[in-house]
């Protein structure tokens, strides 16, 4: 069991908290995921990044991935290049949740001047959505 010490008290890690839920990502959090489980390398990255500070996921209600985790465009584009399939899966889920019928509709309000801007925006929305979903599964308030 992973734990983190906060002000002398032991707090469970994100993987421990999520592994104790009925989340679709619980097996991944416990390290028990198989190919038949829901697997997404981006979710695994979020679990790694916030494992020692799960409460930080609550910040995604007020901000986004680019402001809280990866503030440089080159990081977003690198993630797009390396994890495109998983980003697209999360982005499709995001579009369904907000009722968007197209990528452009989901990215309404974004400044998009070239394909890299669109890729960075898609990554930002997908990763923000994933972090919010994990937080919602842990804290339903």
C-alpha atoms as a PDB file:
ATOM      1  CA  UNK A   1       0.000   0.000   0.000  1.00  0.00           C
ATOM      2  CA  UNK A   2       1.435   3.357  -1.027  1.00  0.00           C
ATOM      3  CA  UNK A   3       1.127   6.165   1.453  1.00  0.00           C
ATOM      4  CA  UNK A   4       2.336   9.717   1.723  1.00  0.00           C
ATOM      5  CA  UNK A   5       3.265  11.567   4.879  1.00  0.00           C
ATOM      6  CA  UNK A   6       1.551  14.934   5.212  1.00  0.00           C
ATOM      7  CA  UNK A   7       2.316  17.001   8.312  1.00  0.00           C
ATOM      8  CA  UNK A   8       3.327  13.854  10.163  1.00  0.00           C
ATOM      9  CA  UNK A   9       0.107  12.029   9.272  1.00  0.00           C
ATOM     10  CA  UNK A  10      -0.016   9.205   6.777  1.00  0.00           C
ATOM     11  CA  UNK A  11      -2.275   9.837   3.802  1.00  0.00           C
ATOM     12  CA  UNK A  12      -3.100   7.258   1.135  1.00  0.00           C
ATOM     13  CA  UNK A  13      -1.651   7.723  -2.327  1.00  0.00           C
ATOM     14  CA  UNK A  14      -3.781   8.334  -5.401  1.00  0.00           C
ATOM     15  CA  UNK A  15      -3.223   4.761  -6.586  1.00  0.00           C
ATOM     16  CA  UNK A  16      -4.362   3.429  -3.213  1.00  0.00           C
ATOM     17  CA  UNK A  17      -7.457   5.642  -3.135  1.00  0.00           C
ATOM     18  CA  UNK A  18      -8.440   4.795  -6.698  1.00  0.00           C
ATOM     19  CA  UNK A  19      -7.614   1.101  -6.260  1.00  0.00           C
ATOM     20  CA  UNK A  20     -10.112   0.945  -3.405  1.00  0.00           C
ATOM     21  CA  UNK A  21     -12.973   2.207  -5.589  1.00  0.00           C
ATOM     22  CA  UNK A  22     -15.106   0.534  -8.233  1.00  0.00           C
ATOM     23  CA  UNK A  23     -13.557   2.859 -10.824  1.00  0.00           C
ATOM     24  CA  UNK A  24     -12.912   1.597 -14.327  1.00  0.00           C
ATOM     25  CA  UNK A  25      -9.286   2.573 -13.609  1.00  0.00           C
ATOM     26  CA  UNK A  26      -8.984   0.662 -10.288  1.00  0.00           C
ATOM     27  CA  UNK A  27      -7.138  -2.323 -11.784  1.00  0.00           C
ATOM     28  CA  UNK A  28      -4.673   0.025 -13.480  1.00  0.00           C
ATOM     29  CA  UNK A  29      -4.151   1.870 -10.184  1.00  0.00           C
ATOM     30  CA  UNK A  30      -3.479  -1.424  -8.376  1.00  0.00           C
ATOM     31  CA  UNK A  31      -1.047  -2.547 -11.086  1.00  0.00           C
ATOM     32  CA  UNK A  32      -3.335  -5.438 -12.037  1.00  0.00           C
ATOM     33  CA  UNK A  33      -4.544  -4.211 -15.416  1.00  0.00           C
ATOM     34  CA  UNK A  34      -4.668  -6.706 -18.233  1.00  0.00           C
ATOM     35  CA  UNK A  35      -5.374  -6.043 -21.892  1.00  0.00           C
ATOM     36  CA  UNK A  36      -9.061  -6.706 -21.256  1.00  0.00           C
ATOM     37  CA  UNK A  37      -9.172  -3.919 -18.644  1.00  0.00           C
ATOM     38  CA  UNK A  38      -9.590  -0.286 -19.465  1.00  0.00           C
ATOM     39  CA  UNK A  39      -6.043   0.808 -20.162  1.00  0.00           C
ATOM     40  CA  UNK A  40      -4.904   4.240 -21.096  1.00  0.00           C
ATOM     41  CA  UNK A  41      -1.316   5.429 -20.848  1.00  0.00           C
ATOM     42  CA  UNK A  42      -2.519   8.972 -20.173  1.00  0.00           C
ATOM     43  CA  UNK A  43      -4.471   7.821 -17.115  1.00  0.00           C
ATOM     44  CA  UNK A  44      -1.366   6.006 -15.941  1.00  0.00           C
ATOM     45  CA  UNK A  45       0.601   9.257 -16.346  1.00  0.00           C
ATOM     46  CA  UNK A  46      -1.958  11.123 -14.239  1.00  0.00           C
ATOM     47  CA  UNK A  47      -1.766   8.419 -11.572  1.00  0.00           C
ATOM     48  CA  UNK A  48       2.035   8.718 -11.527  1.00  0.00           C
ATOM     49  CA  UNK A  49       2.058  12.516 -11.478  1.00  0.00           C
ATOM     50  CA  UNK A  50      -0.505  12.910  -8.685  1.00  0.00           C
ATOM     51  CA  UNK A  51       0.170   9.725  -6.712  1.00  0.00           C
ATOM     52  CA  UNK A  52       1.735  11.560  -3.782  1.00  0.00           C
ATOM     53  CA  UNK A  53      -0.751  14.453  -3.818  1.00  0.00           C
ATOM     54  CA  UNK A  54      -4.208  13.173  -4.819  1.00  0.00           C
ATOM     55  CA  UNK A  55      -5.912  16.248  -3.350  1.00  0.00           C
ATOM     56  CA  UNK A  56      -4.316  18.293  -6.144  1.00  0.00           C
ATOM     57  CA  UNK A  57      -6.745  16.712  -8.587  1.00  0.00           C
ATOM     58  CA  UNK A  58      -9.454  18.911  -7.066  1.00  0.00           C
ATOM     59  CA  UNK A  59      -7.712  21.895  -8.683  1.00  0.00           C
ATOM     60  CA  UNK A  60      -8.891  20.695 -12.086  1.00  0.00           C
ATOM     61  CA  UNK A  61     -12.341  22.024 -11.215  1.00  0.00           C
ATOM     62  CA  UNK A  62     -10.859  25.533 -11.448  1.00  0.00           C
ATOM     63  CA  UNK A  63      -8.052  25.155 -13.952  1.00  0.00           C
ATOM     64  CA  UNK A  64      -6.733  22.930 -16.716  1.00  0.00           C
ATOM     65  CA  UNK A  65      -3.893  20.579 -17.598  1.00  0.00           C
ATOM     66  CA  UNK A  66      -1.753  23.213 -19.287  1.00  0.00           C
ATOM     67  CA  UNK A  67      -1.840  25.418 -16.173  1.00  0.00           C
ATOM     68  CA  UNK A  68      -1.500  22.671 -13.566  1.00  0.00           C
ATOM     69  CA  UNK A  69       0.716  20.014 -15.107  1.00  0.00           C
ATOM     70  CA  UNK A  70       2.312  20.694 -18.513  1.00  0.00           C
ATOM     71  CA  UNK A  71       2.694  24.389 -19.179  1.00  0.00           C
ATOM     72  CA  UNK A  72       4.838  24.136 -22.320  1.00  0.00           C
ATOM     73  CA  UNK A  73       3.358  23.506 -25.733  1.00  0.00           C
ATOM     74  CA  UNK A  74       6.217  21.182 -26.635  1.00  0.00           C
ATOM     75  CA  UNK A  75       5.137  18.875 -23.756  1.00  0.00           C
ATOM     76  CA  UNK A  76       1.589  18.761 -25.078  1.00  0.00           C
ATOM     77  CA  UNK A  77       2.775  18.090 -28.622  1.00  0.00           C
ATOM     78  CA  UNK A  78       5.146  15.374 -27.401  1.00  0.00           C
ATOM     79  CA  UNK A  79       2.237  13.702 -25.593  1.00  0.00           C
ATOM     80  CA  UNK A  80       0.142  14.027 -28.787  1.00  0.00           C
ATOM     81  CA  UNK A  81       2.879  12.357 -30.835  1.00  0.00           C
ATOM     82  CA  UNK A  82       3.482   9.528 -28.350  1.00  0.00           C
ATOM     83  CA  UNK A  83      -0.031   8.896 -26.990  1.00  0.00           C
ATOM     84  CA  UNK A  84      -2.347   9.987 -29.764  1.00  0.00           C
ATOM     85  CA  UNK A  85      -4.628   6.931 -29.569  1.00  0.00           C
ATOM     86  CA  UNK A  86      -5.149   7.334 -25.819  1.00  0.00           C
ATOM     87  CA  UNK A  87      -5.577  11.112 -26.089  1.00  0.00           C
ATOM     88  CA  UNK A  88      -8.196  10.613 -28.794  1.00  0.00           C
ATOM     89  CA  UNK A  89     -10.071   8.107 -26.620  1.00  0.00           C
ATOM     90  CA  UNK A  90     -10.187  10.575 -23.723  1.00  0.00           C
ATOM     91  CA  UNK A  91     -11.102  13.461 -26.029  1.00  0.00           C
ATOM     92  CA  UNK A  92     -13.944  11.437 -27.588  1.00  0.00           C
ATOM     93  CA  UNK A  93     -15.254  10.745 -24.078  1.00  0.00           C
ATOM     94  CA  UNK A  94     -14.992  14.465 -23.290  1.00  0.00           C
ATOM     95  CA  UNK A  95     -16.896  15.362 -26.476  1.00  0.00           C
ATOM     96  CA  UNK A  96     -19.650  12.890 -25.622  1.00  0.00           C
ATOM     97  CA  UNK A  97     -19.933  14.247 -22.095  1.00  0.00           C
ATOM     98  CA  UNK A  98     -20.330  17.851 -23.230  1.00  0.00           C
ATOM     99  CA  UNK A  99     -22.562  16.964 -26.183  1.00  0.00           C
ATOM    100  CA  UNK A 100     -20.120  18.191 -28.829  1.00  0.00           C
ATOM    101  CA  UNK A 101     -20.718  16.701 -32.254  1.00  0.00           C
ATOM    102  CA  UNK A 102     -17.351  17.709 -33.687  1.00  0.00           C
ATOM    103  CA  UNK A 103     -13.814  18.522 -32.628  1.00  0.00           C
ATOM    104  CA  UNK A 104     -14.294  22.150 -33.618  1.00  0.00           C
ATOM    105  CA  UNK A 105     -17.405  22.412 -31.500  1.00  0.00           C
ATOM    106  CA  UNK A 106     -15.537  20.946 -28.497  1.00  0.00           C
ATOM    107  CA  UNK A 107     -12.688  23.411 -29.021  1.00  0.00           C
ATOM    108  CA  UNK A 108     -14.933  26.450 -29.429  1.00  0.00           C
ATOM    109  CA  UNK A 109     -13.268  29.495 -27.906  1.00  0.00           C
ATOM    110  CA  UNK A 110      -9.733  28.180 -28.390  1.00  0.00           C
ATOM    111  CA  UNK A 111      -7.278  30.127 -30.527  1.00  0.00           C
ATOM    112  CA  UNK A 112      -6.293  27.744 -33.303  1.00  0.00           C
ATOM    113  CA  UNK A 113      -3.996  29.092 -35.984  1.00  0.00           C
ATOM    114  CA  UNK A 114      -2.297  25.882 -37.113  1.00  0.00           C
ATOM    115  CA  UNK A 115      -2.508  22.091 -36.657  1.00  0.00           C
ATOM    116  CA  UNK A 116      -0.140  22.199 -33.663  1.00  0.00           C
ATOM    117  CA  UNK A 117      -2.513  24.570 -31.862  1.00  0.00           C
ATOM    118  CA  UNK A 118      -5.331  22.109 -32.418  1.00  0.00           C
ATOM    119  CA  UNK A 119      -3.265  19.159 -31.194  1.00  0.00           C
ATOM    120  CA  UNK A 120      -2.198  21.051 -28.058  1.00  0.00           C
ATOM    121  CA  UNK A 121      -5.809  22.075 -27.356  1.00  0.00           C
ATOM    122  CA  UNK A 122      -7.050  18.504 -27.784  1.00  0.00           C
ATOM    123  CA  UNK A 123      -4.385  17.224 -25.369  1.00  0.00           C
ATOM    124  CA  UNK A 124      -5.225  19.935 -22.848  1.00  0.00           C
ATOM    125  CA  UNK A 125      -8.953  19.180 -22.937  1.00  0.00           C
ATOM    126  CA  UNK A 126      -8.432  15.394 -22.866  1.00  0.00           C
ATOM    127  CA  UNK A 127      -6.000  15.413 -19.938  1.00  0.00           C
ATOM    128  CA  UNK A 128      -8.076  17.943 -18.003  1.00  0.00           C
ATOM    129  CA  UNK A 129     -11.153  15.790 -18.556  1.00  0.00           C
ATOM    130  CA  UNK A 130      -9.339  12.651 -17.400  1.00  0.00           C
ATOM    131  CA  UNK A 131      -8.050  14.344 -14.230  1.00  0.00           C
ATOM    132  CA  UNK A 132     -11.549  15.646 -13.465  1.00  0.00           C
ATOM    133  CA  UNK A 133     -13.045  12.186 -13.976  1.00  0.00           C
ATOM    134  CA  UNK A 134     -10.559  10.617 -11.563  1.00  0.00           C
ATOM    135  CA  UNK A 135     -11.215  13.334  -8.993  1.00  0.00           C
ATOM    136  CA  UNK A 136     -14.968  12.867  -9.377  1.00  0.00           C
ATOM    137  CA  UNK A 137     -14.634   9.143  -8.726  1.00  0.00           C
ATOM    138  CA  UNK A 138     -12.737   9.850  -5.518  1.00  0.00           C
ATOM    139  CA  UNK A 139     -14.718  12.834  -4.267  1.00  0.00           C
ATOM    140  CA  UNK A 140     -18.276  12.977  -5.431  1.00  0.00           C
ATOM    141  CA  UNK A 141     -18.846  16.500  -4.087  1.00  0.00           C
END
